[in-house]
Protein backbone atom coordinates (compact mmCIF):
# COMPACT_ATOMS: atom_id res chain seq x y z
CA MET A 1 192.94 104.29 137.36
CA LYS A 2 196.57 103.84 136.44
CA PHE A 3 195.99 106.15 133.47
CA PHE A 4 194.62 108.89 135.75
CA PHE A 5 197.81 109.08 137.77
CA SER A 6 200.18 108.68 134.86
CA PRO A 7 201.99 111.73 133.39
CA ARG A 8 199.73 111.42 130.37
CA GLY A 9 196.67 111.33 132.66
CA SER A 10 197.55 114.55 134.43
CA LYS A 11 197.73 116.36 131.08
CA TYR A 12 194.27 115.00 130.40
CA ASN A 13 193.02 116.26 133.80
CA VAL A 14 194.53 119.72 133.23
CA LEU A 15 192.94 119.87 129.78
CA MET A 16 189.52 118.86 131.15
CA THR A 17 189.80 121.39 134.00
CA LEU A 18 190.64 124.15 131.53
CA CYS A 19 187.70 123.18 129.32
CA ALA A 20 185.34 123.17 132.29
CA LEU A 21 186.70 126.54 133.42
CA SER A 22 186.27 128.07 129.97
CA VAL A 23 182.66 126.83 129.77
CA THR A 24 181.98 128.37 133.20
CA ILE A 25 183.55 131.70 132.27
CA SER A 26 181.80 131.87 128.90
CA SER A 27 178.41 131.28 130.54
CA LEU A 28 178.79 134.24 132.95
CA PRO A 29 176.63 137.23 132.01
CA VAL A 30 178.56 140.07 130.42
CA THR A 31 177.32 143.63 130.16
CA ALA A 32 177.63 144.75 126.59
CA VAL A 33 178.29 148.33 125.63
CA ALA A 34 176.74 149.16 122.31
CA GLN A 35 179.32 150.56 119.95
CA GLU A 36 177.02 150.75 116.98
CA ALA A 37 173.52 149.56 116.14
CA CYS A 38 171.93 148.90 112.79
CA VAL A 39 168.25 149.09 111.88
CA ARG A 40 166.30 148.40 108.72
CA THR A 41 164.09 151.30 107.59
CA SER A 42 160.60 150.87 106.17
CA ALA A 43 162.16 151.37 102.71
CA GLY A 44 164.41 148.36 103.32
CA ASP A 45 167.66 150.31 103.76
CA VAL A 46 170.03 149.40 106.60
CA VAL A 47 171.22 152.36 108.64
CA CYS A 48 173.93 152.09 111.31
CA GLY A 49 175.04 154.46 114.02
CA LYS A 50 175.52 154.94 117.74
CA PRO A 51 172.36 154.41 119.83
CA VAL A 52 170.84 157.59 121.24
CA PRO A 53 168.82 157.49 124.48
CA LYS A 54 165.10 158.08 124.06
CA PRO A 55 164.30 161.71 124.94
CA ASN A 56 161.80 162.46 127.68
CA SER A 57 158.56 163.35 125.92
CA ASN A 58 157.53 165.83 128.63
CA PRO A 59 160.54 167.37 130.37
CA THR A 60 158.42 169.81 132.37
CA ARG A 61 156.11 167.79 134.57
CA ALA A 62 153.52 169.11 137.01
CA ASP A 63 155.60 167.92 139.93
CA SER A 64 158.79 169.41 138.56
CA ASN A 65 161.29 171.14 140.84
CA VAL A 66 162.01 173.79 138.20
CA THR A 67 160.54 177.20 139.02
CA ILE A 68 159.31 179.34 136.10
CA ASP A 69 158.66 182.48 138.16
CA THR A 70 158.39 183.56 141.79
CA GLN A 71 156.13 186.21 143.32
CA VAL A 72 155.80 187.28 146.97
CA HIS A 73 152.66 188.81 148.50
CA GLU A 74 152.07 189.46 152.22
CA SER A 75 154.77 187.00 153.39
CA VAL A 76 153.50 184.24 151.06
CA THR A 77 155.88 183.10 148.30
CA TRP A 78 154.22 181.76 145.14
CA GLU A 79 156.54 179.67 142.92
CA LEU A 80 155.05 178.78 139.54
CA LYS A 81 156.30 175.31 138.54
CA SER A 82 154.33 174.55 135.36
CA CYS A 83 151.09 174.79 133.43
CA VAL A 84 150.26 171.53 131.67
CA ARG A 85 147.38 170.51 129.43
CA LYS A 86 145.70 167.59 131.23
CA ALA A 87 142.79 167.00 128.85
CA ARG A 88 141.58 168.50 125.61
CA ASN A 89 140.44 171.82 127.12
CA VAL A 90 141.78 171.55 130.70
CA VAL A 91 144.99 173.25 131.84
CA SER A 92 146.45 172.49 135.27
CA CYS A 93 148.98 174.88 136.81
CA THR A 94 151.20 173.67 139.65
CA LEU A 95 152.71 176.04 142.17
CA SER A 96 154.52 175.81 145.48
CA LEU A 97 153.38 178.08 148.32
CA SER A 98 155.46 178.86 151.38
CA THR A 99 155.36 181.54 154.06
CA SER A 100 157.88 183.35 156.22
CA LEU A 101 155.51 183.22 159.22
CA ASP A 102 152.64 181.05 160.48
CA ARG A 103 149.36 182.44 159.17
CA GLN A 104 145.85 181.64 158.03
CA TYR A 105 145.37 182.18 154.31
CA GLY A 106 142.06 182.33 152.49
CA MET A 107 141.19 182.32 148.80
CA LEU A 108 137.76 182.73 147.24
CA LEU A 109 137.57 180.76 144.03
CA ASN A 110 135.39 183.00 141.90
CA ASN A 111 136.39 184.97 138.82
CA ASN A 112 139.53 186.02 140.66
CA ILE A 113 141.97 183.41 139.30
CA ASN A 114 142.35 183.58 135.56
CA LEU A 115 144.50 183.10 132.49
CA VAL A 116 144.55 185.68 129.68
CA ASP A 117 145.70 184.70 126.18
CA SER A 118 147.33 186.99 123.59
CA SER A 119 143.89 187.83 122.11
CA GLY A 120 142.58 189.04 125.47
CA ASN A 121 140.37 185.99 126.10
CA GLU A 122 140.03 185.05 129.78
CA TYR A 123 139.82 181.53 131.23
CA TYR A 124 138.75 181.09 134.85
CA ALA A 125 139.84 178.51 137.43
CA ASN A 126 137.25 175.93 138.40
CA ARG A 127 139.32 174.09 141.04
CA PHE A 128 141.96 175.21 143.53
CA GLN A 129 143.98 172.88 145.79
CA ILE A 130 146.53 173.73 148.49
CA GLY A 131 148.11 170.66 150.07
CA ASN A 132 145.26 168.18 150.60
CA ARG A 133 142.52 170.85 150.86
CA SER A 134 140.57 171.97 147.81
CA ALA A 135 137.72 174.19 146.68
CA VAL A 136 135.63 174.40 143.54
CA ALA A 137 134.13 177.47 141.85
CA ASN A 138 132.37 180.01 144.11
CA ASN A 139 133.79 178.53 147.32
CA ARG A 140 136.32 179.88 149.80
CA LEU A 141 139.35 177.87 150.86
CA TRP A 142 141.04 178.62 154.20
CA VAL A 143 144.40 177.06 154.96
CA ASN A 144 146.71 177.42 157.96
CA LEU A 145 150.11 177.97 156.36
CA VAL A 146 153.03 176.93 158.54
CA LYS A 147 156.40 178.64 158.31
CA GLY A 148 158.97 176.35 156.69
CA ALA A 149 156.42 174.09 154.92
CA ARG A 150 155.98 173.97 151.14
CA TYR A 151 152.40 173.51 149.97
CA LYS A 152 151.87 171.93 146.59
CA THR A 153 149.17 173.99 144.95
CA ILE A 154 147.18 173.02 141.86
CA ILE A 155 144.84 175.33 139.97
CA ASN A 156 142.71 173.90 137.13
CA PHE A 157 141.25 175.93 134.27
CA THR A 158 138.58 174.65 131.87
CA ASP A 159 137.61 175.63 128.33
CA VAL A 160 141.17 176.58 127.33
CA PRO A 161 141.40 175.85 123.56
CA THR A 162 144.12 173.43 122.45
CA SER A 163 145.46 176.17 120.14
CA ILE A 164 146.68 178.10 123.21
CA SER A 165 150.28 177.10 123.98
CA GLN A 166 151.18 180.15 126.08
CA VAL A 167 149.22 182.65 128.15
CA THR A 168 150.10 186.31 128.40
CA LEU A 169 148.97 186.53 132.02
CA PHE A 170 148.25 184.09 134.86
CA GLN A 171 146.72 186.15 137.67
CA VAL A 172 145.58 185.30 141.18
CA ASP A 173 143.42 188.02 142.75
CA ASN A 174 142.69 188.14 146.45
CA ALA A 175 138.91 188.25 145.90
CA GLY A 176 137.98 191.73 146.98
CA TYR A 177 140.88 192.20 149.40
CA GLY A 178 142.76 194.68 147.24
CA SER A 179 145.13 194.39 144.31
CA PRO A 180 146.08 191.10 142.62
CA VAL A 181 148.18 188.78 144.75
CA VAL A 182 150.39 187.51 141.93
CA LYS A 183 150.81 188.06 138.20
CA PHE A 184 152.85 185.61 136.13
CA ARG A 185 153.53 186.70 132.53
CA ASN A 186 154.21 184.74 129.32
CA VAL A 187 153.57 181.34 130.85
CA PRO A 188 154.04 178.31 128.53
CA ILE A 189 151.42 175.55 128.49
CA ASN A 190 153.13 172.19 127.98
């Protein structure tokens, strides 16, 4: 005990405190910033460089906020967001519908919604969804559109060959009520 309080003992205590403090500090997690990373290639070569973030494999998603084109027909605004290949021969186009006044809106899903490729081949919609209401081929869909609301709309097309990466025309007809409602041109299929 005499050693602990002696001048030599206090140096010992200071030294032990510093050691304990350095162990504590060195065990704290530290966020590292990568300056350079090295990898070994399949050929056995070592290549070094700055890490690059992994790119997004599908920058245009079906629920994207980016608008490809906008069309307006009878106070209804159609915003085309994307057309994406969902399965081998299925293409799903996502739109946003809004209106400048409250109204009832009806669509007959027949041969009135189609895609046309650069060779003139036509592909017809087999499913149409506005909000949480949907219709399949040869059925009518009535929706009460409310001013100020945005209705997520999904239209599915079947039998679209995988070789088609862009359509010349995406057309929505108003099923016998006059001229086409909207015509989107040169639409990419992601």
